[in-house]
C-alpha atoms as a PDB file:
ATOM      1  CA  MET A   1     -16.857  25.107   6.546  1.00  0.00           C
ATOM      2  CA  ALA A   2     -17.994  22.995   9.462  1.00  0.00           C
ATOM      3  CA  ASN A   3     -21.445  21.487   9.554  1.00  0.00           C
ATOM      4  CA  GLN A   4     -24.175  22.833  11.791  1.00  0.00           C
ATOM      5  CA  VAL A   5     -26.854  20.842  13.608  1.00  0.00           C
ATOM      6  CA  THR A   6     -30.001  22.414  15.009  1.00  0.00           C
ATOM      7  CA  ILE A   7     -31.076  20.931  18.330  1.00  0.00           C
ATOM      8  CA  GLN A   8     -34.164  22.403  20.005  1.00  0.00           C
ATOM      9  CA  SER A   9     -34.031  25.489  17.750  1.00  0.00           C
ATOM     10  CA  ILE A  10     -30.379  26.075  18.646  1.00  0.00           C
ATOM     11  CA  PRO A  11     -27.765  25.799  15.886  1.00  0.00           C
ATOM     12  CA  VAL A  12     -24.682  23.943  17.124  1.00  0.00           C
ATOM     13  CA  ASP A  13     -21.534  24.290  15.040  1.00  0.00           C
ATOM     14  CA  GLY A  14     -19.754  21.051  14.253  1.00  0.00           C
ATOM     15  CA  LEU A  15     -16.303  22.311  15.108  1.00  0.00           C
ATOM     16  CA  ASP A  16     -13.367  20.330  16.350  1.00  0.00           C
ATOM     17  CA  LEU A  17     -10.741  21.980  18.533  1.00  0.00           C
ATOM     18  CA  SER A  18      -8.542  23.213  15.679  1.00  0.00           C
ATOM     19  CA  GLU A  19     -11.553  24.656  13.827  1.00  0.00           C
ATOM     20  CA  LEU A  20     -12.799  26.426  16.943  1.00  0.00           C
ATOM     21  CA  LEU A  21      -9.365  27.932  17.542  1.00  0.00           C
ATOM     22  CA  ALA A  22      -9.064  28.990  13.889  1.00  0.00           C
ATOM     23  CA  ARG A  23     -12.497  30.621  13.953  1.00  0.00           C
ATOM     24  CA  THR A  24     -11.654  32.426  17.184  1.00  0.00           C
ATOM     25  CA  CYS A  25      -8.405  33.692  15.656  1.00  0.00           C
ATOM     26  CA  GLN A  26     -10.345  34.935  12.615  1.00  0.00           C
ATOM     27  CA  TYR A  27     -12.648  36.931  14.874  1.00  0.00           C
ATOM     28  CA  ILE A  28      -9.656  38.424  16.670  1.00  0.00           C
ATOM     29  CA  GLU A  29      -7.631  39.181  13.536  1.00  0.00           C
ATOM     30  CA  SER A  30     -10.582  40.846  11.818  1.00  0.00           C
ATOM     31  CA  LYS A  31     -11.363  42.783  15.012  1.00  0.00           C
ATOM     32  CA  GLN A  32     -14.863  41.394  14.666  1.00  0.00           C
ATOM     33  CA  ARG A  33     -16.949  41.311  17.810  1.00  0.00           C
ATOM     34  CA  ALA A  34     -18.208  37.793  18.309  1.00  0.00           C
ATOM     35  CA  THR A  35     -20.009  35.776  20.917  1.00  0.00           C
ATOM     36  CA  ILE A  36     -18.886  32.189  21.428  1.00  0.00           C
ATOM     37  CA  ALA A  37     -21.087  29.913  23.519  1.00  0.00           C
ATOM     38  CA  TYR A  38     -21.396  26.257  24.326  1.00  0.00           C
ATOM     39  CA  VAL A  39     -24.283  23.891  24.919  1.00  0.00           C
ATOM     40  CA  ASN A  40     -24.456  20.803  27.040  1.00  0.00           C
ATOM     41  CA  ILE A  41     -27.537  18.848  28.099  1.00  0.00           C
ATOM     42  CA  HIS A  42     -28.159  21.111  31.090  1.00  0.00           C
ATOM     43  CA  VAL A  43     -28.077  24.218  28.905  1.00  0.00           C
ATOM     44  CA  LEU A  44     -30.404  22.635  26.319  1.00  0.00           C
ATOM     45  CA  ASN A  45     -32.837  21.514  29.031  1.00  0.00           C
ATOM     46  CA  THR A  46     -32.794  24.984  30.581  1.00  0.00           C
ATOM     47  CA  ALA A  47     -33.418  26.574  27.182  1.00  0.00           C
ATOM     48  CA  VAL A  48     -36.634  24.563  26.789  1.00  0.00           C
ATOM     49  CA  SER A  49     -38.261  26.625  29.533  1.00  0.00           C
ATOM     50  CA  ASP A  50     -36.310  29.848  28.989  1.00  0.00           C
ATOM     51  CA  PRO A  51     -37.097  31.521  25.650  1.00  0.00           C
ATOM     52  CA  ASN A  52     -34.512  34.231  26.338  1.00  0.00           C
ATOM     53  CA  LEU A  53     -31.753  31.639  26.597  1.00  0.00           C
ATOM     54  CA  THR A  54     -32.979  29.937  23.420  1.00  0.00           C
ATOM     55  CA  GLU A  55     -32.991  33.266  21.572  1.00  0.00           C
ATOM     56  CA  PHE A  56     -29.529  34.153  22.863  1.00  0.00           C
ATOM     57  CA  LEU A  57     -28.039  30.807  21.814  1.00  0.00           C
ATOM     58  CA  ALA A  58     -29.781  30.898  18.433  1.00  0.00           C
ATOM     59  CA  ASN A  59     -28.088  34.212  17.678  1.00  0.00           C
ATOM     60  CA  VAL A  60     -24.508  33.744  18.890  1.00  0.00           C
ATOM     61  CA  ASP A  61     -21.740  33.754  16.311  1.00  0.00           C
ATOM     62  CA  THR A  62     -20.420  30.339  17.302  1.00  0.00           C
ATOM     63  CA  CYS A  63     -21.979  27.657  19.470  1.00  0.00           C
ATOM     64  CA  TYR A  64     -20.144  24.403  20.097  1.00  0.00           C
ATOM     65  CA  ALA A  65     -20.924  21.119  21.875  1.00  0.00           C
ATOM     66  CA  ASP A  66     -19.638  20.893  25.442  1.00  0.00           C
ATOM     67  CA  GLY A  67     -21.258  17.623  26.350  1.00  0.00           C
ATOM     68  CA  LYS A  68     -21.385  14.043  25.133  1.00  0.00           C
ATOM     69  CA  GLY A  69     -25.169  14.165  25.402  1.00  0.00           C
ATOM     70  CA  VAL A  70     -25.291  16.892  22.742  1.00  0.00           C
ATOM     71  CA  VAL A  71     -23.065  14.844  20.443  1.00  0.00           C
ATOM     72  CA  LEU A  72     -25.290  11.806  21.035  1.00  0.00           C
ATOM     73  CA  GLY A  73     -28.417  13.927  20.441  1.00  0.00           C
ATOM     74  CA  ALA A  74     -27.038  14.997  17.075  1.00  0.00           C
ATOM     75  CA  LYS A  75     -26.414  11.359  16.214  1.00  0.00           C
ATOM     76  CA  VAL A  76     -30.016  10.481  17.102  1.00  0.00           C
ATOM     77  CA  LEU A  77     -31.104  13.258  14.731  1.00  0.00           C
ATOM     78  CA  GLY A  78     -28.960  11.691  12.003  1.00  0.00           C
ATOM     79  CA  ALA A  79     -26.255  14.341  12.127  1.00  0.00           C
ATOM     80  CA  TYR A  80     -22.632  14.404  13.200  1.00  0.00           C
ATOM     81  CA  LEU A  81     -20.884  16.597  15.735  1.00  0.00           C
ATOM     82  CA  PRO A  82     -17.223  16.127  16.632  1.00  0.00           C
ATOM     83  CA  PRO A  83     -16.370  14.976  20.148  1.00  0.00           C
ATOM     84  CA  ARG A  84     -17.305  17.463  22.842  1.00  0.00           C
ATOM     85  CA  MET A  85     -14.937  20.168  24.006  1.00  0.00           C
ATOM     86  CA  THR A  86     -14.826  21.989  27.292  1.00  0.00           C
ATOM     87  CA  GLY A  87     -13.638  25.535  27.788  1.00  0.00           C
ATOM     88  CA  ALA A  88     -10.521  24.106  29.406  1.00  0.00           C
ATOM     89  CA  ASP A  89      -9.775  22.130  26.224  1.00  0.00           C
ATOM     90  CA  TRP A  90      -9.167  25.288  24.278  1.00  0.00           C
END
């Protein structure tokens, strides 16, 4: 199982591309409804002043890093996230 890093009360899954694709396929194959979201610095900054966004992101099924700033933020916190992915990557 991939690691998870909490940044500003938002859990970010430490998934690389193959893990994200595998998890997505699991959701599809099990016919499980799932919400997949991403965070980048803009999203995290917006969430600071928007408790609804923070709550939404804290409760999604999968949240991955779509920004080098998020990966760097995890590093500053002493945690590891794989390189960022964009929606176009997968």
